[in-house]
Amino acid sequence: MYNNPMFYKDKDNHFVLKIGEKPYKILQLTDLHFGYGMLSKKQDKLGMDAVTKLVKETKPDLIILTGDSIFPFILKAGTRNNIKQAKKLVEFMDCFKIPYAFLFGNHDIEMGSKGDKNQISEIISDGQYSIFAKGDKNLTGLGNYIIKLHDCKEQLLMALVMLDSNMYRDGWFYSGFDCIREEQTAWCTEEISKLKKQNHDLKSSSFFSYALTRIQASL
């Protein structure tokens, strides 16, 4: 987990990042599909080179990985070992020395892959610059958490809401995509309402896997 005097977890179990006066820059990366296997070496190098170039050019303060960062699909990667893939991903992201937040997509855990969500979560959490939490056990998915941006005077400026958009319904790929569940959106709404008591003009942004955008809600 990221270890820095400007970063901590508060009493409400939210992450806090204290930022300076200059504009705060976030780089969102999605669908990297790193395979780290025999069949994906060329594609992995192209992807890693592209990410490295983006990071150098944009100089972000925070990187957010919104799903499908790894791809344990044997026909594409040549391996189902997403434990190895996750460790390689962490090693790669740590080399930038920039904090990064992680979210699951629908491909990070595939049918027959070596590691489940809990195992991959533990590996991601161990990253030197990683920001990740499994979140409330009563919510569907792993990776429902909030990063609060504070100024140097500890005033709340913005909330970044991370939501696990889950993977597939029963039956994996052939059953269709899952969605962000109603209890997740209710949790998100409740937490933002609480935070608005600290800042009535609070701005917030939600991040989740872009391919899985269905939201279950009562109308």
Protein backbone atom coordinates (compact mmCIF):
# COMPACT_ATOMS: atom_id res chain seq x y z
CA MET A 1 0.00 0.00 0.00
CA TYR A 2 1.12 3.54 -0.75
CA ASN A 3 3.08 4.96 2.18
CA ASN A 4 3.37 8.73 2.23
CA PRO A 5 2.82 11.47 4.86
CA MET A 6 0.31 13.04 2.47
CA PHE A 7 -1.79 9.87 2.35
CA TYR A 8 -3.79 8.09 5.04
CA LYS A 9 -7.05 6.32 5.86
CA ASP A 10 -9.54 8.31 7.92
CA LYS A 11 -11.99 7.27 10.65
CA ASP A 12 -14.69 6.63 8.02
CA ASN A 13 -12.44 4.13 6.26
CA HIS A 14 -11.92 6.43 3.27
CA PHE A 15 -8.54 7.13 1.75
CA VAL A 16 -7.28 10.72 1.93
CA LEU A 17 -4.76 12.28 -0.43
CA LYS A 18 -3.53 15.74 0.50
CA ILE A 19 -2.76 17.74 -2.61
CA GLY A 20 -0.98 21.03 -3.18
CA GLU A 21 -2.13 24.27 -4.75
CA LYS A 22 -1.28 23.35 -8.33
CA PRO A 23 -3.88 21.65 -10.57
CA TYR A 24 -4.20 17.95 -9.73
CA LYS A 25 -3.81 15.64 -12.70
CA ILE A 26 -5.32 12.14 -12.98
CA LEU A 27 -4.41 9.68 -15.71
CA GLN A 28 -7.04 7.00 -16.33
CA LEU A 29 -5.86 3.78 -17.98
CA THR A 30 -8.23 1.02 -19.01
CA ASP A 31 -8.14 -2.32 -20.82
CA LEU A 32 -4.37 -2.72 -20.82
CA HIS A 33 -4.89 -6.50 -21.18
CA PHE A 34 -1.36 -7.40 -20.13
CA GLY A 35 -0.95 -11.15 -20.58
CA TYR A 36 2.67 -11.64 -19.50
CA GLY A 37 2.66 -14.99 -21.26
CA MET A 38 4.27 -16.72 -24.22
CA LEU A 39 1.65 -15.47 -26.70
CA SER A 40 1.48 -11.86 -25.57
CA LYS A 41 5.11 -10.74 -25.34
CA LYS A 42 4.98 -8.42 -28.36
CA GLN A 43 1.61 -6.95 -27.39
CA ASP A 44 2.72 -6.50 -23.77
CA LYS A 45 5.81 -4.57 -24.83
CA LEU A 46 3.77 -2.30 -27.08
CA GLY A 47 1.32 -1.67 -24.27
CA MET A 48 3.97 -1.02 -21.63
CA ASP A 49 5.86 1.31 -23.96
CA ALA A 50 2.63 3.24 -24.67
CA VAL A 51 1.81 3.57 -20.96
CA THR A 52 5.36 4.68 -20.16
CA LYS A 53 5.15 7.35 -22.87
CA LEU A 54 1.77 8.55 -21.59
CA VAL A 55 3.02 8.80 -18.01
CA LYS A 56 6.14 10.72 -19.04
CA GLU A 57 4.16 13.13 -21.21
CA THR A 58 1.26 13.79 -18.84
CA LYS A 59 3.13 13.65 -15.51
CA PRO A 60 0.02 12.65 -13.51
CA ASP A 61 -0.36 12.95 -9.75
CA LEU A 62 -2.57 9.86 -9.63
CA ILE A 63 -3.15 6.95 -12.03
CA ILE A 64 -6.45 5.06 -12.02
CA LEU A 65 -6.65 1.61 -13.62
CA THR A 66 -10.29 1.03 -14.55
CA GLY A 67 -10.43 -2.67 -15.28
CA ASP A 68 -9.02 -5.40 -17.49
CA SER A 69 -5.45 -4.52 -16.62
CA ILE A 70 -4.49 -8.18 -16.92
CA PHE A 71 -5.87 -10.87 -19.22
CA PRO A 72 -5.59 -14.53 -18.13
CA PHE A 73 -7.11 -15.82 -21.36
CA ILE A 74 -4.97 -18.70 -22.56
CA LEU A 75 -5.71 -18.24 -26.28
CA LYS A 76 -4.42 -14.66 -26.16
CA ALA A 77 -1.84 -14.67 -23.39
CA GLY A 78 -0.74 -18.29 -23.37
CA THR A 79 -1.36 -18.49 -19.63
CA ARG A 80 -4.16 -18.53 -17.05
CA ASN A 81 -1.79 -17.46 -14.30
CA ASN A 82 -3.27 -14.11 -13.28
CA ILE A 83 -1.35 -14.26 -10.00
CA LYS A 84 1.88 -13.90 -11.97
CA GLN A 85 0.20 -11.27 -14.16
CA ALA A 86 -0.92 -9.22 -11.15
CA LYS A 87 2.59 -9.30 -9.66
CA LYS A 88 4.06 -8.18 -12.99
CA LEU A 89 1.46 -5.39 -13.20
CA VAL A 90 2.33 -4.15 -9.70
CA GLU A 91 6.04 -4.23 -10.52
CA PHE A 92 5.40 -2.21 -13.68
CA MET A 93 3.16 0.39 -12.03
CA ASP A 94 5.47 0.81 -9.03
CA CYS A 95 8.35 1.77 -11.32
CA PHE A 96 6.67 5.14 -12.03
CA LYS A 97 6.69 6.06 -8.33
CA ILE A 98 3.21 7.57 -8.70
CA PRO A 99 0.21 6.44 -6.61
CA TYR A 100 -2.25 4.32 -8.56
CA ALA A 101 -5.77 3.12 -7.78
CA PHE A 102 -7.03 -0.20 -9.10
CA LEU A 103 -10.45 -1.47 -10.17
CA PHE A 104 -11.52 -4.86 -11.49
CA GLY A 105 -12.96 -5.35 -14.96
CA ASN A 106 -14.49 -8.50 -16.38
CA HIS A 107 -11.23 -10.01 -17.65
CA ASP A 108 -8.85 -9.71 -14.67
CA ILE A 109 -10.39 -12.93 -13.34
CA GLU A 110 -11.38 -15.37 -16.08
CA MET A 111 -12.89 -18.82 -15.84
CA GLY A 112 -10.06 -21.23 -15.02
CA SER A 113 -7.61 -18.51 -14.01
CA LYS A 114 -5.27 -19.31 -11.15
CA GLY A 115 -6.23 -16.53 -8.75
CA ASP A 116 -9.62 -15.34 -7.52
CA LYS A 117 -10.59 -11.76 -6.68
CA ASN A 118 -9.41 -12.04 -3.09
CA GLN A 119 -5.97 -13.28 -4.12
CA ILE A 120 -5.53 -10.63 -6.79
CA SER A 121 -6.73 -7.97 -4.33
CA GLU A 122 -4.00 -8.96 -1.87
CA ILE A 123 -1.31 -8.73 -4.56
CA ILE A 124 -2.51 -5.31 -5.73
CA SER A 125 -2.69 -4.04 -2.14
CA ASP A 126 0.96 -4.98 -1.62
CA GLY A 127 2.11 -2.57 -4.34
CA GLN A 128 4.47 0.10 -3.04
CA TYR A 129 2.41 2.89 -4.65
CA SER A 130 -0.94 1.07 -4.72
CA ILE A 131 -4.20 2.51 -3.41
CA PHE A 132 -6.85 -0.18 -3.15
CA ALA A 133 -9.43 -1.47 -0.68
CA LYS A 134 -11.75 -4.46 -0.90
CA GLY A 135 -14.48 -2.31 0.61
CA ASP A 136 -17.58 -3.06 2.67
CA LYS A 137 -18.23 -6.81 2.90
CA ASN A 138 -21.97 -6.13 2.62
CA LEU A 139 -21.57 -4.71 -0.88
CA THR A 140 -21.35 -6.76 -4.07
CA GLY A 141 -17.85 -6.97 -5.50
CA LEU A 142 -14.37 -6.09 -4.30
CA GLY A 143 -13.04 -2.60 -4.80
CA ASN A 144 -15.81 -0.25 -3.66
CA TYR A 145 -13.93 2.58 -1.98
CA ILE A 146 -13.49 6.35 -1.89
CA ILE A 147 -10.42 8.53 -2.27
CA LYS A 148 -10.89 12.00 -0.82
CA LEU A 149 -8.74 14.85 -2.09
CA HIS A 150 -7.89 17.35 0.65
CA ASP A 151 -5.94 20.59 0.46
CA CYS A 152 -3.01 21.22 2.79
CA LYS A 153 -5.40 22.69 5.37
CA GLU A 154 -7.34 19.40 5.45
CA GLN A 155 -10.36 20.88 3.64
CA LEU A 156 -12.23 18.39 1.48
CA LEU A 157 -12.04 19.35 -2.20
CA MET A 158 -13.28 16.33 -4.16
CA ALA A 159 -14.31 12.70 -3.79
CA LEU A 160 -13.22 9.97 -6.19
CA VAL A 161 -15.62 7.03 -5.94
CA MET A 162 -14.37 3.61 -7.07
CA LEU A 163 -17.05 1.04 -7.89
CA ASP A 164 -16.65 -2.60 -8.80
CA SER A 165 -18.82 -3.12 -11.88
CA ASN A 166 -18.54 -6.87 -11.25
CA MET A 167 -17.97 -9.41 -14.02
CA TYR A 168 -20.41 -11.90 -15.47
CA ARG A 169 -23.73 -13.22 -14.29
CA ASP A 170 -24.01 -16.92 -13.37
CA GLY A 171 -22.36 -18.91 -16.11
CA TRP A 172 -19.47 -16.56 -16.78
CA PHE A 173 -19.02 -15.24 -20.31
CA TYR A 174 -22.03 -16.94 -21.85
CA SER A 175 -24.43 -15.45 -19.28
CA GLY A 176 -23.70 -11.82 -20.21
CA PHE A 177 -22.23 -8.98 -18.21
CA ASP A 178 -23.12 -8.21 -14.62
CA CYS A 179 -23.74 -4.65 -13.42
CA ILE A 180 -23.20 -2.17 -10.63
CA ARG A 181 -25.74 -3.30 -8.05
CA GLU A 182 -28.39 -1.24 -6.30
CA GLU A 183 -26.75 -1.55 -2.89
CA GLN A 184 -23.53 -0.18 -4.37
CA THR A 185 -25.24 2.92 -5.74
CA ALA A 186 -27.09 3.37 -2.44
CA TRP A 187 -23.77 3.19 -0.56
CA CYS A 188 -22.23 5.69 -2.96
CA THR A 189 -25.14 8.13 -2.57
CA GLU A 190 -25.09 7.84 1.23
CA GLU A 191 -21.35 8.39 1.51
CA ILE A 192 -21.39 11.42 -0.79
CA SER A 193 -24.29 12.88 1.22
CA LYS A 194 -22.21 12.55 4.39
CA LEU A 195 -19.20 14.18 2.74
CA LYS A 196 -21.30 17.11 1.53
CA LYS A 197 -21.76 18.07 5.17
CA GLN A 198 -18.05 18.91 5.12
CA ASN A 199 -18.30 20.76 1.81
CA HIS A 200 -21.71 21.72 0.40
CA ASP A 201 -20.16 22.39 -3.01
CA LEU A 202 -18.35 19.05 -3.09
CA LYS A 203 -17.57 17.69 -6.55
CA SER A 204 -17.24 13.96 -7.09
CA SER A 205 -16.32 11.57 -9.89
CA SER A 206 -17.05 7.86 -10.19
CA PHE A 207 -14.69 5.35 -11.77
CA PHE A 208 -15.55 1.83 -12.91
CA SER A 209 -14.83 -0.52 -15.77
CA TYR A 210 -16.08 1.27 -18.86
CA ALA A 211 -17.27 -1.90 -20.61
CA LEU A 212 -19.64 -2.72 -17.76
CA THR A 213 -21.79 0.34 -17.33
CA ARG A 214 -25.21 -1.07 -16.49
CA ILE A 215 -26.44 0.13 -13.11
CA GLN A 216 -29.15 -1.67 -11.18
CA ALA A 217 -31.50 0.80 -9.54
CA SER A 218 -35.08 1.15 -8.45
CA LEU A 219 -37.02 3.71 -10.48
